[in-house]
Amino acid sequence: MTLKRHMRHCLMGLALCCAAFAAQAGEVTLRVMKSAALGADFRYTLYLPDGYESGRLRYPVLYLLHGNSGNENDWLVKGQAQATVDGLIQAGKVQPLIIVMPGGGSSWWVDGNQDKAETALIKELIPHIDASLRTIPAREGRMMGGLSAGGFGTVSAVFKYPELFIAG
């Protein structure tokens, strides 16, 4: 086999592997919801698992809260959420799920003097997600996690609203 032919075979194999991996990748989009509690747009990054658009299944939802002064892209960029979750789903270690990564700035995910971040998250975003996506809209289908201030917001929300979350 000539070197040129060998290279062509290698490139074709690599292209097929990449296409197979891409077919298993979830979709990530930036979305915006109008928030009465904040009096502004509430931005969030949304991960939908592979097959969401073409299927009819309902999915559990994981809300990932960023740390202080973060934004809706922190988990995606710094935490490499998409690649991590795609790999875990592909390996069969977690079931396909929806991930919502809201942007809360420096709110610590609680209602403060200026921002009503807890109200926006619990009373507006969660119902919005359940109404607009094929979620499991019950405690059994809802989880929350966070880093630093997002961890504080997670513990606060899970203890304050245990009827909403199966895990935190």
C-alpha atoms as a PDB file:
ATOM      1  CA  MET A   1       0.000   0.000   0.000  1.00  0.00           C
ATOM      2  CA  THR A   2       1.396   3.377  -0.928  1.00  0.00           C
ATOM      3  CA  LEU A   3       1.869   6.073   1.655  1.00  0.00           C
ATOM      4  CA  LYS A   4      -0.707   8.267  -0.078  1.00  0.00           C
ATOM      5  CA  ARG A   5      -3.294   5.466  -0.027  1.00  0.00           C
ATOM      6  CA  HIS A   6      -2.478   4.638   3.607  1.00  0.00           C
ATOM      7  CA  MET A   7      -2.972   8.299   4.581  1.00  0.00           C
ATOM      8  CA  ARG A   8      -6.292   8.406   2.732  1.00  0.00           C
ATOM      9  CA  HIS A   9      -7.484   5.279   4.616  1.00  0.00           C
ATOM     10  CA  CYS A  10      -6.396   6.771   7.946  1.00  0.00           C
ATOM     11  CA  LEU A  11      -8.176  10.053   7.219  1.00  0.00           C
ATOM     12  CA  MET A  12     -11.344   8.230   6.169  1.00  0.00           C
ATOM     13  CA  GLY A  13     -11.246   6.177   9.379  1.00  0.00           C
ATOM     14  CA  LEU A  14     -10.722   9.306  11.459  1.00  0.00           C
ATOM     15  CA  ALA A  15     -13.606  11.031   9.674  1.00  0.00           C
ATOM     16  CA  LEU A  16     -15.894   8.077  10.375  1.00  0.00           C
ATOM     17  CA  CYS A  17     -14.901   8.040  14.053  1.00  0.00           C
ATOM     18  CA  CYS A  18     -15.519  11.784  14.343  1.00  0.00           C
ATOM     19  CA  ALA A  19     -18.897  11.437  12.640  1.00  0.00           C
ATOM     20  CA  ALA A  20     -19.878   8.637  15.024  1.00  0.00           C
ATOM     21  CA  PHE A  21     -18.803  10.715  18.027  1.00  0.00           C
ATOM     22  CA  ALA A  22     -20.629  13.798  16.732  1.00  0.00           C
ATOM     23  CA  ALA A  23     -23.797  11.732  16.347  1.00  0.00           C
ATOM     24  CA  GLN A  24     -23.641  10.997  20.084  1.00  0.00           C
ATOM     25  CA  ALA A  25     -23.189  14.624  21.076  1.00  0.00           C
ATOM     26  CA  GLY A  26     -25.867  16.623  22.851  1.00  0.00           C
ATOM     27  CA  GLU A  27     -26.927  20.059  21.680  1.00  0.00           C
ATOM     28  CA  VAL A  28     -26.109  23.230  23.599  1.00  0.00           C
ATOM     29  CA  THR A  29     -27.931  26.535  23.137  1.00  0.00           C
ATOM     30  CA  LEU A  30     -28.116  29.862  24.917  1.00  0.00           C
ATOM     31  CA  ARG A  31     -31.668  30.832  25.830  1.00  0.00           C
ATOM     32  CA  VAL A  32     -33.366  33.774  27.487  1.00  0.00           C
ATOM     33  CA  MET A  33     -36.462  33.949  29.670  1.00  0.00           C
ATOM     34  CA  LYS A  34     -38.193  37.152  30.774  1.00  0.00           C
ATOM     35  CA  SER A  35     -38.071  37.335  34.565  1.00  0.00           C
ATOM     36  CA  ALA A  36     -40.560  39.406  36.548  1.00  0.00           C
ATOM     37  CA  ALA A  37     -38.583  38.717  39.742  1.00  0.00           C
ATOM     38  CA  LEU A  38     -35.421  40.190  38.220  1.00  0.00           C
ATOM     39  CA  GLY A  39     -37.138  42.781  36.054  1.00  0.00           C
ATOM     40  CA  ALA A  40     -34.810  41.665  33.272  1.00  0.00           C
ATOM     41  CA  ASP A  41     -33.913  38.805  30.981  1.00  0.00           C
ATOM     42  CA  PHE A  42     -32.745  35.630  32.714  1.00  0.00           C
ATOM     43  CA  ARG A  43     -30.149  33.924  30.534  1.00  0.00           C
ATOM     44  CA  TYR A  44     -29.401  30.229  30.702  1.00  0.00           C
ATOM     45  CA  THR A  45     -27.417  27.675  28.753  1.00  0.00           C
ATOM     46  CA  LEU A  46     -29.323  24.533  27.875  1.00  0.00           C
ATOM     47  CA  TYR A  47     -27.944  21.061  27.139  1.00  0.00           C
ATOM     48  CA  LEU A  48     -30.304  18.663  25.360  1.00  0.00           C
ATOM     49  CA  PRO A  49     -29.168  15.044  24.959  1.00  0.00           C
ATOM     50  CA  ASP A  50     -28.660  13.422  21.574  1.00  0.00           C
ATOM     51  CA  GLY A  51     -32.014  12.350  20.169  1.00  0.00           C
ATOM     52  CA  TYR A  52     -34.081  14.891  22.112  1.00  0.00           C
ATOM     53  CA  GLU A  53     -35.396  16.688  19.027  1.00  0.00           C
ATOM     54  CA  SER A  54     -36.441  13.532  17.193  1.00  0.00           C
ATOM     55  CA  GLY A  55     -37.856  11.638  20.173  1.00  0.00           C
ATOM     56  CA  ARG A  56     -40.796  11.732  22.525  1.00  0.00           C
ATOM     57  CA  LEU A  57     -39.131  10.701  25.773  1.00  0.00           C
ATOM     58  CA  ARG A  58     -39.283  12.827  28.923  1.00  0.00           C
ATOM     59  CA  TYR A  59     -35.965  13.546  30.620  1.00  0.00           C
ATOM     60  CA  PRO A  60     -34.728  14.335  34.115  1.00  0.00           C
ATOM     61  CA  VAL A  61     -33.281  17.816  34.563  1.00  0.00           C
ATOM     62  CA  LEU A  62     -30.062  18.822  36.299  1.00  0.00           C
ATOM     63  CA  TYR A  63     -29.754  22.493  37.253  1.00  0.00           C
ATOM     64  CA  LEU A  64     -26.077  23.501  37.525  1.00  0.00           C
ATOM     65  CA  LEU A  65     -25.401  26.734  39.414  1.00  0.00           C
ATOM     66  CA  HIS A  66     -22.126  28.613  38.850  1.00  0.00           C
ATOM     67  CA  GLY A  67     -19.993  30.311  41.480  1.00  0.00           C
ATOM     68  CA  ASN A  68     -19.958  33.973  42.519  1.00  0.00           C
ATOM     69  CA  SER A  69     -19.613  36.440  39.629  1.00  0.00           C
ATOM     70  CA  GLY A  70     -20.024  33.610  37.119  1.00  0.00           C
ATOM     71  CA  ASN A  71     -22.430  33.321  34.241  1.00  0.00           C
ATOM     72  CA  GLU A  72     -24.467  30.858  32.234  1.00  0.00           C
ATOM     73  CA  ASN A  73     -21.377  29.737  30.270  1.00  0.00           C
ATOM     74  CA  ASP A  74     -19.135  28.782  33.209  1.00  0.00           C
ATOM     75  CA  TRP A  75     -20.167  25.124  33.404  1.00  0.00           C
ATOM     76  CA  LEU A  76     -19.962  24.794  29.646  1.00  0.00           C
ATOM     77  CA  VAL A  77     -16.574  26.452  29.192  1.00  0.00           C
ATOM     78  CA  LYS A  78     -14.698  26.046  32.481  1.00  0.00           C
ATOM     79  CA  GLY A  79     -16.421  22.833  33.558  1.00  0.00           C
ATOM     80  CA  GLN A  80     -16.502  21.254  30.082  1.00  0.00           C
ATOM     81  CA  ALA A  81     -20.050  20.085  30.864  1.00  0.00           C
ATOM     82  CA  GLN A  82     -21.000  19.084  27.324  1.00  0.00           C
ATOM     83  CA  ALA A  83     -17.990  16.845  26.675  1.00  0.00           C
ATOM     84  CA  THR A  84     -18.210  15.342  30.156  1.00  0.00           C
ATOM     85  CA  VAL A  85     -21.925  14.536  29.974  1.00  0.00           C
ATOM     86  CA  ASP A  86     -21.712  13.283  26.391  1.00  0.00           C
ATOM     87  CA  GLY A  87     -18.959  10.886  27.497  1.00  0.00           C
ATOM     88  CA  LEU A  88     -20.860   9.708  30.575  1.00  0.00           C
ATOM     89  CA  ILE A  89     -24.030   9.089  28.552  1.00  0.00           C
ATOM     90  CA  GLN A  90     -22.108   7.299  25.799  1.00  0.00           C
ATOM     91  CA  ALA A  91     -20.386   5.088  28.413  1.00  0.00           C
ATOM     92  CA  GLY A  92     -23.752   4.261  30.000  1.00  0.00           C
ATOM     93  CA  LYS A  93     -22.762   5.784  33.355  1.00  0.00           C
ATOM     94  CA  VAL A  94     -25.659   8.258  33.381  1.00  0.00           C
ATOM     95  CA  GLN A  95     -28.958   8.260  31.571  1.00  0.00           C
ATOM     96  CA  PRO A  96     -29.645  10.988  29.013  1.00  0.00           C
ATOM     97  CA  LEU A  97     -30.729  14.170  30.761  1.00  0.00           C
ATOM     98  CA  ILE A  98     -31.389  17.853  30.238  1.00  0.00           C
ATOM     99  CA  ILE A  99     -28.987  20.295  31.892  1.00  0.00           C
ATOM    100  CA  VAL A 100     -29.940  23.890  32.650  1.00  0.00           C
ATOM    101  CA  MET A 101     -27.081  26.265  33.516  1.00  0.00           C
ATOM    102  CA  PRO A 102     -28.572  29.635  34.535  1.00  0.00           C
ATOM    103  CA  GLY A 103     -26.660  32.880  34.869  1.00  0.00           C
ATOM    104  CA  GLY A 104     -26.950  34.449  38.300  1.00  0.00           C
ATOM    105  CA  GLY A 105     -23.983  36.827  38.559  1.00  0.00           C
ATOM    106  CA  SER A 106     -23.084  37.579  42.179  1.00  0.00           C
ATOM    107  CA  SER A 107     -26.448  36.667  43.690  1.00  0.00           C
ATOM    108  CA  TRP A 108     -25.359  33.549  45.608  1.00  0.00           C
ATOM    109  CA  TRP A 109     -28.700  32.223  44.307  1.00  0.00           C
ATOM    110  CA  VAL A 110     -30.725  33.812  47.125  1.00  0.00           C
ATOM    111  CA  ASP A 111     -33.135  36.742  47.197  1.00  0.00           C
ATOM    112  CA  GLY A 112     -31.153  39.834  48.117  1.00  0.00           C
ATOM    113  CA  ASN A 113     -31.854  43.542  48.295  1.00  0.00           C
ATOM    114  CA  GLN A 114     -31.240  44.055  44.572  1.00  0.00           C
ATOM    115  CA  ASP A 115     -31.856  40.719  42.858  1.00  0.00           C
ATOM    116  CA  LYS A 116     -34.463  38.075  43.563  1.00  0.00           C
ATOM    117  CA  ALA A 117     -32.303  35.232  42.227  1.00  0.00           C
ATOM    118  CA  GLU A 118     -33.923  32.473  44.293  1.00  0.00           C
ATOM    119  CA  THR A 119     -37.407  33.525  43.205  1.00  0.00           C
ATOM    120  CA  ALA A 120     -36.317  33.748  39.561  1.00  0.00           C
ATOM    121  CA  LEU A 121     -34.755  30.280  39.734  1.00  0.00           C
ATOM    122  CA  ILE A 122     -37.410  28.426  41.742  1.00  0.00           C
ATOM    123  CA  LYS A 123     -40.643  30.204  40.849  1.00  0.00           C
ATOM    124  CA  GLU A 124     -39.911  31.201  37.247  1.00  0.00           C
ATOM    125  CA  LEU A 125     -37.117  29.198  35.589  1.00  0.00           C
ATOM    126  CA  ILE A 126     -38.095  25.730  36.823  1.00  0.00           C
ATOM    127  CA  PRO A 127     -41.760  26.127  35.753  1.00  0.00           C
ATOM    128  CA  HIS A 128     -40.586  27.638  32.444  1.00  0.00           C
ATOM    129  CA  ILE A 129     -38.322  24.647  31.755  1.00  0.00           C
ATOM    130  CA  ASP A 130     -41.036  22.152  32.705  1.00  0.00           C
ATOM    131  CA  ALA A 131     -43.558  23.947  30.463  1.00  0.00           C
ATOM    132  CA  SER A 132     -41.304  24.330  27.427  1.00  0.00           C
ATOM    133  CA  LEU A 133     -39.330  21.048  27.384  1.00  0.00           C
ATOM    134  CA  ARG A 134     -40.088  17.350  27.716  1.00  0.00           C
ATOM    135  CA  THR A 135     -38.988  17.060  31.330  1.00  0.00           C
ATOM    136  CA  ILE A 136     -40.048  14.764  34.130  1.00  0.00           C
ATOM    137  CA  PRO A 137     -41.884  17.614  35.912  1.00  0.00           C
ATOM    138  CA  ALA A 138     -41.761  16.134  39.393  1.00  0.00           C
ATOM    139  CA  ARG A 139     -39.351  15.816  42.297  1.00  0.00           C
ATOM    140  CA  GLU A 140     -38.147  12.445  40.939  1.00  0.00           C
ATOM    141  CA  GLY A 141     -36.959  14.118  37.742  1.00  0.00           C
ATOM    142  CA  ARG A 142     -35.207  17.176  39.139  1.00  0.00           C
ATOM    143  CA  MET A 143     -31.677  17.583  40.532  1.00  0.00           C
ATOM    144  CA  MET A 144     -29.457  20.532  41.376  1.00  0.00           C
ATOM    145  CA  GLY A 145     -25.723  20.974  41.804  1.00  0.00           C
ATOM    146  CA  GLY A 146     -23.350  23.877  42.107  1.00  0.00           C
ATOM    147  CA  LEU A 147     -19.832  25.114  42.644  1.00  0.00           C
ATOM    148  CA  SER A 148     -18.840  27.518  45.419  1.00  0.00           C
ATOM    149  CA  ALA A 149     -21.654  30.095  45.632  1.00  0.00           C
ATOM    150  CA  GLY A 150     -23.615  27.741  43.370  1.00  0.00           C
ATOM    151  CA  GLY A 151     -23.058  25.016  45.967  1.00  0.00           C
ATOM    152  CA  PHE A 152     -24.455  27.359  48.597  1.00  0.00           C
ATOM    153  CA  GLY A 153     -27.464  28.081  46.369  1.00  0.00           C
ATOM    154  CA  THR A 154     -27.938  24.345  45.803  1.00  0.00           C
ATOM    155  CA  VAL A 155     -27.911  23.462  49.509  1.00  0.00           C
ATOM    156  CA  SER A 156     -30.184  26.404  50.278  1.00  0.00           C
ATOM    157  CA  ALA A 157     -32.724  25.459  47.576  1.00  0.00           C
ATOM    158  CA  VAL A 158     -32.692  21.723  48.303  1.00  0.00           C
ATOM    159  CA  PHE A 159     -33.303  22.258  52.019  1.00  0.00           C
ATOM    160  CA  LYS A 160     -35.880  25.001  51.492  1.00  0.00           C
ATOM    161  CA  TYR A 161     -37.757  23.175  48.694  1.00  0.00           C
ATOM    162  CA  PRO A 162     -37.264  19.428  49.332  1.00  0.00           C
ATOM    163  CA  GLU A 163     -40.489  18.697  47.446  1.00  0.00           C
ATOM    164  CA  LEU A 164     -38.838  19.941  44.235  1.00  0.00           C
ATOM    165  CA  PHE A 165     -35.540  18.009  44.145  1.00  0.00           C
ATOM    166  CA  ILE A 166     -34.597  14.350  44.370  1.00  0.00           C
ATOM    167  CA  ALA A 167     -30.884  15.169  44.717  1.00  0.00           C
ATOM    168  CA  GLY A 168     -28.705  18.140  45.411  1.00  0.00           C
END
